[in-house]
Amino acid sequence: MTDRELLEAAAKAEGHEVEFDELSGLVFWGNKLSGLLWNPLHNDGDALRLKVKLHLIVGSYASFSSVSGTYTADGYEVPEETIVWHHETGGDPCAAERLAITRCAAGIAAAIPAAG
């Protein structure tokens, strides 16, 4: 899955849509006119808000980060535990945690029925 696909799926799980600016590579929440940048793969705050919104349980360990979920009134299915090893992100444990959160959110989105 590309970063763009991951971000689109994570936004779906959070109940929003994103728009990409192909020239700059920036991700906008809503649309470019709103000016609200959103990228939980690169922004700790965006990843934290995604974690909180989806009620994810995050574990940080010496060599990996893991994400799982808990029962919520939202009724979505949480995929099995998502693990990102620090070597996948060049040894950056924060990047590993952001990636694990985003991957887990994308897994949740895959379980959301299509509208219509």
Protein backbone atom coordinates (compact mmCIF):
# COMPACT_ATOMS: atom_id res chain seq x y z
CA MET A 1 0.00 0.00 0.00
CA THR A 2 1.39 3.41 -0.92
CA ASP A 3 1.58 6.28 1.57
CA ARG A 4 -1.27 7.96 -0.29
CA GLU A 5 -3.46 4.84 -0.03
CA LEU A 6 -2.60 4.49 3.66
CA LEU A 7 -3.54 8.10 4.35
CA GLU A 8 -6.78 7.87 2.40
CA ALA A 9 -7.77 4.74 4.32
CA ALA A 10 -6.77 6.21 7.70
CA ALA A 11 -8.83 9.31 6.96
CA LYS A 12 -11.80 7.10 6.07
CA ALA A 13 -11.49 5.31 9.43
CA GLU A 14 -11.51 8.67 11.15
CA GLY A 15 -14.56 9.71 9.14
CA HIS A 16 -12.93 12.29 6.89
CA GLU A 17 -11.65 12.67 3.37
CA VAL A 18 -8.26 13.91 2.30
CA GLU A 19 -7.10 15.66 -0.84
CA PHE A 20 -3.59 15.48 -2.24
CA ASP A 21 -1.66 18.21 -3.96
CA GLU A 22 0.27 16.24 -6.56
CA LEU A 23 2.85 18.99 -7.06
CA SER A 24 3.83 19.53 -3.43
CA GLY A 25 2.91 16.10 -2.06
CA LEU A 26 0.98 17.79 0.75
CA VAL A 27 -2.09 16.14 2.25
CA PHE A 28 -5.08 18.34 3.06
CA TRP A 29 -7.88 17.38 5.39
CA GLY A 30 -11.10 18.24 3.62
CA ASN A 31 -9.81 20.29 0.70
CA LYS A 32 -6.95 22.55 -0.33
CA LEU A 33 -9.03 25.65 0.28
CA SER A 34 -9.35 24.84 3.98
CA GLY A 35 -5.57 24.93 4.29
CA LEU A 36 -5.57 22.23 6.99
CA LEU A 37 -2.58 19.94 6.48
CA TRP A 38 -2.94 16.38 7.82
CA ASN A 39 -0.40 13.58 7.72
CA PRO A 40 -0.20 11.08 10.59
CA LEU A 41 2.74 9.37 8.86
CA HIS A 42 4.89 12.47 9.43
CA ASN A 43 3.16 14.48 12.17
CA ASP A 44 3.12 13.23 15.79
CA GLY A 45 0.05 15.34 16.65
CA ASP A 46 -1.98 14.00 13.73
CA ALA A 47 -1.03 10.43 14.67
CA LEU A 48 -2.00 11.04 18.32
CA ARG A 49 -5.38 12.48 17.34
CA LEU A 50 -5.98 9.47 15.06
CA LYS A 51 -5.06 7.12 17.93
CA VAL A 52 -7.44 8.86 20.32
CA LYS A 53 -10.32 9.09 17.82
CA LEU A 54 -10.11 5.35 17.08
CA HIS A 55 -9.44 4.30 20.71
CA LEU A 56 -6.23 2.50 19.76
CA ILE A 57 -3.88 0.94 22.29
CA VAL A 58 -0.26 1.72 21.42
CA GLY A 59 2.79 -0.02 22.83
CA SER A 60 6.33 1.28 22.44
CA TYR A 61 9.16 -1.17 22.97
CA ALA A 62 12.93 -1.27 22.51
CA SER A 63 12.82 -2.46 18.89
CA PHE A 64 9.21 -2.09 17.70
CA SER A 65 5.87 -0.34 18.16
CA SER A 66 2.57 -2.16 18.24
CA VAL A 67 -1.03 -1.02 17.93
CA SER A 68 -4.23 -2.82 18.76
CA GLY A 69 -7.68 -1.67 19.72
CA THR A 70 -10.36 -1.99 22.30
CA TYR A 71 -14.13 -2.30 22.13
CA THR A 72 -15.82 0.99 21.38
CA ALA A 73 -19.38 2.11 20.90
CA ASP A 74 -18.41 2.96 17.32
CA GLY A 75 -18.74 -0.73 16.49
CA TYR A 76 -15.81 -1.02 14.06
CA GLU A 77 -13.59 -4.03 13.79
CA VAL A 78 -9.98 -3.60 14.86
CA PRO A 79 -7.60 -5.74 12.83
CA GLU A 80 -5.14 -7.98 14.57
CA GLU A 81 -2.17 -6.31 16.22
CA THR A 82 -0.13 -4.07 13.91
CA ILE A 83 3.63 -4.19 14.50
CA VAL A 84 6.25 -1.90 12.97
CA TRP A 85 9.89 -2.68 13.68
CA HIS A 86 12.16 0.30 14.24
CA HIS A 87 14.49 -0.84 11.45
CA GLU A 88 11.57 -0.28 9.01
CA THR A 89 11.76 3.44 9.81
CA GLY A 90 15.52 3.86 9.90
CA GLY A 91 15.68 3.38 13.68
CA ASP A 92 13.20 6.17 14.42
CA PRO A 93 10.81 4.87 17.11
CA CYS A 94 8.43 7.84 16.67
CA ALA A 95 8.14 7.15 12.95
CA ALA A 96 7.52 3.47 13.72
CA GLU A 97 4.69 4.40 16.08
CA ARG A 98 3.15 6.83 13.56
CA LEU A 99 3.32 4.17 10.84
CA ALA A 100 1.78 1.51 13.11
CA ILE A 101 -1.11 3.83 14.03
CA THR A 102 -1.73 4.72 10.38
CA ARG A 103 -1.55 1.08 9.25
CA CYS A 104 -3.99 0.03 11.98
CA ALA A 105 -6.39 2.82 10.98
CA ALA A 106 -6.17 1.67 7.36
CA GLY A 107 -7.05 -1.84 8.51
CA ILE A 108 -10.10 -0.48 10.33
CA ALA A 109 -11.15 1.37 7.17
CA ALA A 110 -10.97 -1.87 5.19
CA ALA A 111 -13.67 -3.29 7.49
CA ILE A 112 -16.02 -0.31 7.01
CA PRO A 113 -18.79 -1.20 4.53
CA ALA A 114 -18.92 0.88 1.37
CA ALA A 115 -21.65 3.51 1.31
CA GLY A 116 -24.53 3.07 -1.06
